[in-house]
Amino acid sequence: MAVAVQLAGSLVAILLLAELARWLDLGGDLRLRDEAEARELARAADCSFDPVEIALDRAGIGALLRDAGGRVMLLRRHGVHFPARMLTSHQGTRLDRNFLTIATNERTFGSVTLDLGPDAAVWAGSLRRLGVGQGREATDGL
């Protein structure tokens, strides 16, 4: 009987914590809303980066941004943040119709598959201009 009471108490506590988290809007499904938000996140990650071209994932989980100097930044959702990485190579990039997969050498950043629609092929081609370098340069993100 004591085990049943303990189990019931644990379940009630879990349900109360879940309700509290929902009430506080914790752990929501964070998405990029628009190009302005992607631009703001990129500038926050690197104040010298001023994007002139932006490709948003259709689901809002990431974005590719290019500045006037040809530098390319990748934003991707990681939990409740959008860290950024400057791409210095097209190595690890794979195109599959409207999907562009970009792998990084950084284990904690991993890879991301962006649904860029018809722009995926254009971005894949333009990333080839980066060449095959030593990997990606880390940029502290948000």
N, C-alpha and C. Protein backbone atom coordinates (compact mmCIF):
# COMPACT_ATOMS: atom_id res chain seq x y z
N MET A 1 0.82 -1.20 0.00
CA MET A 1 0.00 0.00 0.00
C MET A 1 0.87 1.27 0.00
N ALA A 2 1.96 1.23 0.75
CA ALA A 2 2.85 2.39 0.83
C ALA A 2 3.48 2.68 -0.52
N VAL A 3 3.79 1.63 -1.28
CA VAL A 3 4.38 1.80 -2.61
C VAL A 3 3.37 2.46 -3.55
N ALA A 4 2.11 2.07 -3.46
CA ALA A 4 1.07 2.66 -4.31
C ALA A 4 0.88 4.13 -3.99
N VAL A 5 0.92 4.50 -2.72
CA VAL A 5 0.78 5.91 -2.33
C VAL A 5 1.98 6.71 -2.82
N GLN A 6 3.16 6.13 -2.70
CA GLN A 6 4.37 6.81 -3.17
C GLN A 6 4.32 7.00 -4.68
N LEU A 7 3.88 5.98 -5.41
CA LEU A 7 3.75 6.06 -6.86
C LEU A 7 2.73 7.13 -7.26
N ALA A 8 1.59 7.14 -6.58
CA ALA A 8 0.55 8.14 -6.88
C ALA A 8 1.07 9.54 -6.59
N GLY A 9 1.79 9.71 -5.49
CA GLY A 9 2.35 11.01 -5.16
C GLY A 9 3.36 11.48 -6.20
N SER A 10 4.18 10.55 -6.68
CA SER A 10 5.16 10.89 -7.72
C SER A 10 4.48 11.30 -9.01
N LEU A 11 3.44 10.60 -9.40
CA LEU A 11 2.71 10.93 -10.62
C LEU A 11 2.06 12.31 -10.51
N VAL A 12 1.47 12.60 -9.35
CA VAL A 12 0.85 13.91 -9.15
C VAL A 12 1.91 15.01 -9.22
N ALA A 13 3.07 14.78 -8.62
CA ALA A 13 4.15 15.77 -8.66
C ALA A 13 4.62 16.01 -10.08
N ILE A 14 4.76 14.95 -10.85
CA ILE A 14 5.19 15.08 -12.24
C ILE A 14 4.17 15.87 -13.05
N LEU A 15 2.90 15.55 -12.87
CA LEU A 15 1.85 16.27 -13.60
C LEU A 15 1.81 17.74 -13.20
N LEU A 16 2.02 18.05 -11.93
CA LEU A 16 2.04 19.44 -11.49
C LEU A 16 3.24 20.19 -12.10
N LEU A 17 4.41 19.55 -12.15
CA LEU A 17 5.58 20.18 -12.76
C LEU A 17 5.38 20.40 -14.26
N ALA A 18 4.76 19.43 -14.93
CA ALA A 18 4.48 19.57 -16.36
C ALA A 18 3.51 20.73 -16.60
N GLU A 19 2.51 20.85 -15.78
CA GLU A 19 1.55 21.94 -15.91
C GLU A 19 2.22 23.29 -15.63
N LEU A 20 3.10 23.34 -14.64
CA LEU A 20 3.84 24.57 -14.34
C LEU A 20 4.72 24.97 -15.53
N ALA A 21 5.40 24.00 -16.12
CA ALA A 21 6.25 24.28 -17.29
C ALA A 21 5.41 24.80 -18.45
N ARG A 22 4.23 24.23 -18.66
CA ARG A 22 3.36 24.69 -19.74
C ARG A 22 2.85 26.10 -19.45
N TRP A 23 2.50 26.36 -18.19
CA TRP A 23 2.01 27.67 -17.79
C TRP A 23 3.08 28.74 -17.97
N LEU A 24 4.34 28.40 -17.68
CA LEU A 24 5.46 29.33 -17.83
C LEU A 24 5.97 29.40 -19.27
N ASP A 25 5.38 28.58 -20.15
CA ASP A 25 5.76 28.51 -21.56
C ASP A 25 7.23 28.10 -21.72
N LEU A 26 7.65 27.14 -20.92
CA LEU A 26 9.01 26.61 -21.00
C LEU A 26 9.07 25.49 -22.03
N GLY A 27 10.18 25.39 -22.72
CA GLY A 27 10.39 24.29 -23.65
C GLY A 27 9.49 24.34 -24.87
N GLY A 28 9.12 25.54 -25.27
CA GLY A 28 8.26 25.67 -26.45
C GLY A 28 8.99 25.28 -27.72
N ASP A 29 8.27 25.25 -28.79
CA ASP A 29 8.80 24.88 -30.10
C ASP A 29 9.32 26.14 -30.77
N LEU A 30 10.59 26.45 -30.52
CA LEU A 30 11.21 27.67 -31.01
C LEU A 30 11.48 27.58 -32.51
N ARG A 31 11.06 28.59 -33.26
CA ARG A 31 11.26 28.64 -34.72
C ARG A 31 11.66 30.06 -35.13
N LEU A 32 12.42 30.14 -36.21
CA LEU A 32 12.72 31.45 -36.80
C LEU A 32 11.44 31.95 -37.47
N ARG A 33 11.04 33.16 -37.14
CA ARG A 33 9.79 33.70 -37.69
C ARG A 33 9.97 34.31 -39.08
N ASP A 34 11.10 35.02 -39.26
CA ASP A 34 11.28 35.71 -40.53
C ASP A 34 12.75 36.08 -40.72
N GLU A 35 13.03 36.73 -41.85
CA GLU A 35 14.40 37.11 -42.17
C GLU A 35 14.94 38.14 -41.18
N ALA A 36 14.09 39.00 -40.68
CA ALA A 36 14.53 40.01 -39.72
C ALA A 36 15.06 39.36 -38.45
N GLU A 37 14.41 38.31 -37.98
CA GLU A 37 14.88 37.61 -36.79
C GLU A 37 16.20 36.90 -37.07
N ALA A 38 16.34 36.28 -38.24
CA ALA A 38 17.59 35.61 -38.61
C ALA A 38 18.72 36.64 -38.70
N ARG A 39 18.44 37.79 -39.27
CA ARG A 39 19.44 38.87 -39.38
C ARG A 39 19.89 39.33 -38.00
N GLU A 40 18.95 39.49 -37.10
CA GLU A 40 19.26 39.92 -35.73
C GLU A 40 20.12 38.88 -34.99
N LEU A 41 19.79 37.60 -35.15
CA LEU A 41 20.57 36.54 -34.51
C LEU A 41 21.98 36.48 -35.08
N ALA A 42 22.12 36.68 -36.39
CA ALA A 42 23.44 36.65 -37.02
C ALA A 42 24.29 37.81 -36.53
N ARG A 43 23.70 38.97 -36.42
CA ARG A 43 24.45 40.14 -35.93
C ARG A 43 24.82 39.98 -34.47
N ALA A 44 23.97 39.33 -33.70
CA ALA A 44 24.28 39.09 -32.29
C ALA A 44 25.45 38.11 -32.15
N ALA A 45 25.53 37.15 -33.07
CA ALA A 45 26.61 36.16 -33.03
C ALA A 45 27.93 36.76 -33.48
N ASP A 46 27.89 37.66 -34.46
CA ASP A 46 29.10 38.29 -34.99
C ASP A 46 28.71 39.69 -35.45
N CYS A 47 29.10 40.68 -34.68
CA CYS A 47 28.66 42.06 -34.97
C CYS A 47 29.21 42.59 -36.29
N SER A 48 30.25 41.96 -36.85
CA SER A 48 30.79 42.42 -38.13
C SER A 48 30.07 41.77 -39.32
N PHE A 49 29.14 40.88 -39.05
CA PHE A 49 28.43 40.16 -40.11
C PHE A 49 27.14 40.89 -40.43
N ASP A 50 27.03 41.39 -41.67
CA ASP A 50 25.83 42.10 -42.11
C ASP A 50 25.24 41.35 -43.30
N PRO A 51 24.25 40.49 -43.06
CA PRO A 51 23.73 39.65 -44.14
C PRO A 51 23.03 40.44 -45.25
N VAL A 52 23.32 40.04 -46.48
CA VAL A 52 22.65 40.64 -47.63
C VAL A 52 21.75 39.62 -48.33
N GLU A 53 21.98 38.34 -48.05
CA GLU A 53 21.18 37.24 -48.61
C GLU A 53 20.83 36.29 -47.48
N ILE A 54 19.55 35.89 -47.42
CA ILE A 54 19.11 35.00 -46.35
C ILE A 54 18.20 33.93 -46.94
N ALA A 55 18.46 32.69 -46.55
CA ALA A 55 17.60 31.57 -46.93
C ALA A 55 17.11 30.91 -45.64
N LEU A 56 15.81 31.00 -45.40
CA LEU A 56 15.21 30.41 -44.20
C LEU A 56 14.70 29.01 -44.49
N ASP A 57 14.92 28.12 -43.55
CA ASP A 57 14.31 26.81 -43.63
C ASP A 57 12.80 26.98 -43.54
N ARG A 58 12.05 26.21 -44.32
CA ARG A 58 10.60 26.34 -44.35
C ARG A 58 9.95 26.09 -42.99
N ALA A 59 10.57 25.24 -42.16
CA ALA A 59 10.03 24.95 -40.84
C ALA A 59 10.56 25.90 -39.78
N GLY A 60 11.51 26.76 -40.15
CA GLY A 60 12.04 27.73 -39.21
C GLY A 60 13.09 27.20 -38.26
N ILE A 61 13.71 26.05 -38.60
CA ILE A 61 14.70 25.47 -37.69
C ILE A 61 16.12 25.95 -37.96
N GLY A 62 16.31 26.74 -39.01
CA GLY A 62 17.64 27.22 -39.33
C GLY A 62 17.62 28.19 -40.50
N ALA A 63 18.81 28.69 -40.82
CA ALA A 63 18.93 29.63 -41.93
C ALA A 63 20.38 29.69 -42.39
N LEU A 64 20.54 30.02 -43.66
CA LEU A 64 21.85 30.34 -44.23
C LEU A 64 21.84 31.82 -44.57
N LEU A 65 22.93 32.50 -44.22
CA LEU A 65 23.04 33.93 -44.48
C LEU A 65 24.38 34.23 -45.12
N ARG A 66 24.39 35.15 -46.07
CA ARG A 66 25.63 35.54 -46.74
C ARG A 66 25.79 37.05 -46.61
N ASP A 67 27.03 37.49 -46.35
CA ASP A 67 27.28 38.93 -46.29
C ASP A 67 27.88 39.40 -47.62
N ALA A 68 28.11 40.68 -47.74
CA ALA A 68 28.61 41.25 -48.99
C ALA A 68 29.99 40.73 -49.34
N GLY A 69 30.76 40.30 -48.34
CA GLY A 69 32.10 39.76 -48.58
C GLY A 69 32.11 38.30 -48.97
N GLY A 70 30.93 37.67 -49.06
CA GLY A 70 30.85 36.27 -49.45
C GLY A 70 30.93 35.28 -48.30
N ARG A 71 31.06 35.78 -47.08
CA ARG A 71 31.08 34.87 -45.92
C ARG A 71 29.68 34.31 -45.72
N VAL A 72 29.62 33.04 -45.31
CA VAL A 72 28.34 32.37 -45.11
C VAL A 72 28.24 31.92 -43.66
N MET A 73 27.09 32.24 -43.06
CA MET A 73 26.82 31.85 -41.68
C MET A 73 25.64 30.88 -41.66
N LEU A 74 25.78 29.86 -40.83
CA LEU A 74 24.70 28.90 -40.62
C LEU A 74 24.12 29.12 -39.23
N LEU A 75 22.81 29.31 -39.17
CA LEU A 75 22.07 29.34 -37.91
C LEU A 75 21.26 28.07 -37.83
N ARG A 76 21.24 27.45 -36.66
CA ARG A 76 20.41 26.26 -36.49
C ARG A 76 19.87 26.22 -35.08
N ARG A 77 18.70 25.67 -34.97
CA ARG A 77 18.10 25.54 -33.64
C ARG A 77 18.84 24.47 -32.86
N HIS A 78 19.14 24.81 -31.62
CA HIS A 78 19.80 23.87 -30.71
C HIS A 78 19.15 24.09 -29.34
N GLY A 79 18.15 23.28 -29.05
CA GLY A 79 17.39 23.50 -27.82
C GLY A 79 16.55 24.75 -27.98
N VAL A 80 16.75 25.71 -27.08
CA VAL A 80 15.99 26.95 -27.14
C VAL A 80 16.85 28.11 -27.64
N HIS A 81 17.97 27.79 -28.29
CA HIS A 81 18.88 28.80 -28.80
C HIS A 81 19.12 28.58 -30.29
N PHE A 82 19.67 29.59 -30.94
CA PHE A 82 20.09 29.49 -32.33
C PHE A 82 21.57 29.84 -32.41
N PRO A 83 22.46 28.85 -32.18
CA PRO A 83 23.88 29.14 -32.34
C PRO A 83 24.22 29.36 -33.81
N ALA A 84 25.34 30.01 -34.04
CA ALA A 84 25.77 30.34 -35.41
C ALA A 84 27.17 29.81 -35.65
N ARG A 85 27.43 29.43 -36.88
CA ARG A 85 28.77 29.01 -37.30
C ARG A 85 29.05 29.61 -38.66
N MET A 86 30.27 30.12 -38.82
CA MET A 86 30.70 30.60 -40.12
C MET A 86 31.17 29.38 -40.91
N LEU A 87 30.69 29.22 -42.10
CA LEU A 87 31.11 28.11 -42.95
C LEU A 87 32.34 28.53 -43.73
N THR A 88 33.36 27.71 -43.68
CA THR A 88 34.59 28.01 -44.42
C THR A 88 34.85 26.96 -45.49
N SER A 89 33.96 25.99 -45.62
CA SER A 89 34.15 24.90 -46.56
C SER A 89 32.79 24.35 -46.96
N HIS A 90 32.72 23.76 -48.14
CA HIS A 90 31.49 23.08 -48.53
C HIS A 90 31.56 21.59 -48.19
N GLN A 91 32.66 21.17 -47.61
CA GLN A 91 32.81 19.77 -47.20
C GLN A 91 31.71 19.42 -46.20
N GLY A 92 31.07 18.29 -46.39
CA GLY A 92 29.98 17.87 -45.51
C GLY A 92 28.63 18.41 -45.93
N THR A 93 28.56 19.04 -47.11
CA THR A 93 27.30 19.58 -47.61
C THR A 93 26.72 18.61 -48.64
N ARG A 94 25.44 18.33 -48.49
CA ARG A 94 24.78 17.38 -49.40
C ARG A 94 23.42 17.94 -49.82
N LEU A 95 23.14 17.91 -51.11
CA LEU A 95 21.88 18.39 -51.66
C LEU A 95 21.01 17.20 -52.02
N ASP A 96 19.74 17.24 -51.60
CA ASP A 96 18.76 16.22 -51.96
C ASP A 96 17.46 16.94 -52.27
N ARG A 97 17.27 17.25 -53.54
CA ARG A 97 16.12 18.00 -54.04
C ARG A 97 16.03 19.36 -53.36
N ASN A 98 15.04 19.57 -52.51
CA ASN A 98 14.86 20.87 -51.84
C ASN A 98 15.54 20.94 -50.48
N PHE A 99 16.26 19.88 -50.13
CA PHE A 99 16.88 19.79 -48.81
C PHE A 99 18.39 19.91 -48.93
N LEU A 100 18.97 20.75 -48.09
CA LEU A 100 20.41 20.94 -48.05
C LEU A 100 20.88 20.53 -46.67
N THR A 101 21.72 19.49 -46.61
CA THR A 101 22.27 19.03 -45.35
C THR A 101 23.67 19.59 -45.21
N ILE A 102 23.93 20.20 -44.07
CA ILE A 102 25.24 20.79 -43.80
C ILE A 102 25.76 20.16 -42.52
N ALA A 103 26.87 19.45 -42.65
CA ALA A 103 27.51 18.82 -41.49
C ALA A 103 28.69 19.66 -41.07
N THR A 104 28.88 19.76 -39.79
CA THR A 104 30.04 20.48 -39.27
C THR A 104 30.98 19.48 -38.61
N ASN A 105 32.22 19.90 -38.46
CA ASN A 105 33.20 19.06 -37.79
C ASN A 105 33.05 19.10 -36.28
N GLU A 106 32.21 19.98 -35.81
CA GLU A 106 32.02 20.18 -34.39
C GLU A 106 30.95 19.22 -33.86
N ARG A 107 31.34 18.34 -32.98
CA ARG A 107 30.43 17.31 -32.48
C ARG A 107 29.19 17.91 -31.82
N THR A 108 29.36 18.96 -31.02
CA THR A 108 28.21 19.53 -30.31
C THR A 108 27.28 20.31 -31.24
N PHE A 109 27.79 20.80 -32.36
CA PHE A 109 26.94 21.53 -33.30
C PHE A 109 26.28 20.56 -34.27
N GLY A 110 27.00 19.53 -34.65
CA GLY A 110 26.43 18.48 -35.50
C GLY A 110 26.10 18.94 -36.90
N SER A 111 25.06 18.33 -37.45
CA SER A 111 24.62 18.67 -38.80
C SER A 111 23.16 19.08 -38.75
N VAL A 112 22.74 19.73 -39.81
CA VAL A 112 21.35 20.16 -39.91
C VAL A 112 20.91 20.01 -41.36
N THR A 113 19.67 19.62 -41.54
CA THR A 113 19.08 19.54 -42.87
C THR A 113 18.03 20.64 -42.98
N LEU A 114 18.27 21.54 -43.91
CA LEU A 114 17.38 22.67 -44.12
C LEU A 114 16.53 22.45 -45.36
N ASP A 115 15.23 22.71 -45.24
CA ASP A 115 14.32 22.67 -46.39
C ASP A 115 14.27 24.08 -46.95
N LEU A 116 15.05 24.31 -47.99
CA LEU A 116 15.14 25.64 -48.59
C LEU A 116 14.31 25.77 -49.86
N GLY A 117 13.55 24.73 -50.18
CA GLY A 117 12.76 24.77 -51.40
C GLY A 117 13.65 24.83 -52.62
N PRO A 118 13.20 25.53 -53.66
CA PRO A 118 13.99 25.63 -54.89
C PRO A 118 15.34 26.33 -54.69
N ASP A 119 15.46 27.11 -53.62
CA ASP A 119 16.72 27.81 -53.35
C ASP A 119 17.83 26.88 -52.87
N ALA A 120 17.49 25.65 -52.52
CA ALA A 120 18.50 24.71 -52.00
C ALA A 120 19.61 24.48 -53.02
N ALA A 121 19.24 24.28 -54.27
CA ALA A 121 20.25 24.04 -55.31
C ALA A 121 21.12 25.26 -55.53
N VAL A 122 20.54 26.44 -55.46
CA VAL A 122 21.30 27.68 -55.64
C VAL A 122 22.31 27.84 -54.51
N TRP A 123 21.87 27.61 -53.27
CA TRP A 123 22.77 27.73 -52.13
C TRP A 123 23.84 26.65 -52.16
N ALA A 124 23.49 25.43 -52.56
CA ALA A 124 24.48 24.35 -52.64
C ALA A 124 25.57 24.72 -53.63
N GLY A 125 25.17 25.26 -54.78
CA GLY A 125 26.15 25.68 -55.78
C GLY A 125 27.04 26.80 -55.28
N SER A 126 26.43 27.75 -54.57
CA SER A 126 27.23 28.88 -54.09
C SER A 126 28.17 28.47 -52.96
N LEU A 127 27.80 27.45 -52.19
CA LEU A 127 28.69 26.99 -51.12
C LEU A 127 29.94 26.33 -51.68
N ARG A 128 29.86 25.82 -52.91
CA ARG A 128 31.04 25.20 -53.52
C ARG A 128 32.16 26.22 -53.73
N ARG A 129 31.80 27.49 -53.79
CA ARG A 129 32.82 28.54 -53.92
C ARG A 129 33.69 28.65 -52.68
N LEU A 130 33.20 28.12 -51.56
CA LEU A 130 33.99 28.17 -50.33
C LEU A 130 35.18 27.22 -50.39
N GLY A 131 35.13 26.25 -51.30
CA GLY A 131 36.22 25.29 -51.42
C GLY A 131 36.17 24.24 -50.34
N VAL A 132 37.23 23.47 -50.24
CA VAL A 132 37.34 22.42 -49.22
C VAL A 132 38.43 22.87 -48.27
N GLY A 133 38.02 23.36 -47.13
CA GLY A 133 38.97 23.87 -46.15
C GLY A 133 39.17 22.88 -45.02
N GLN A 134 39.63 23.39 -43.90
CA GLN A 134 39.90 22.58 -42.73
C GLN A 134 38.65 22.37 -41.88
N GLY A 135 37.52 22.91 -42.26
CA GLY A 135 36.31 22.74 -41.45
C GLY A 135 35.61 24.07 -41.27
N ARG A 136 34.98 24.23 -40.14
CA ARG A 136 34.22 25.43 -39.88
C ARG A 136 34.84 26.23 -38.76
N GLU A 137 34.69 27.51 -38.83
CA GLU A 137 35.18 28.42 -37.81
C GLU A 137 34.04 28.66 -36.83
N ALA A 138 34.30 28.47 -35.56
CA ALA A 138 33.26 28.63 -34.56
C ALA A 138 32.96 30.11 -34.32
N THR A 139 31.71 30.41 -34.15
CA THR A 139 31.26 31.74 -33.77
C THR A 139 30.30 31.54 -32.62
N ASP A 140 30.55 32.18 -31.51
CA ASP A 140 29.65 32.03 -30.38
C ASP A 140 28.28 32.55 -30.78
N GLY A 141 27.29 31.72 -30.55
CA GLY A 141 25.92 32.09 -30.88
C GLY A 141 25.14 32.42 -29.63
N LEU A 142 23.88 32.58 -29.81
CA LEU A 142 23.01 32.89 -28.67
C LEU A 142 22.61 31.65 -27.96
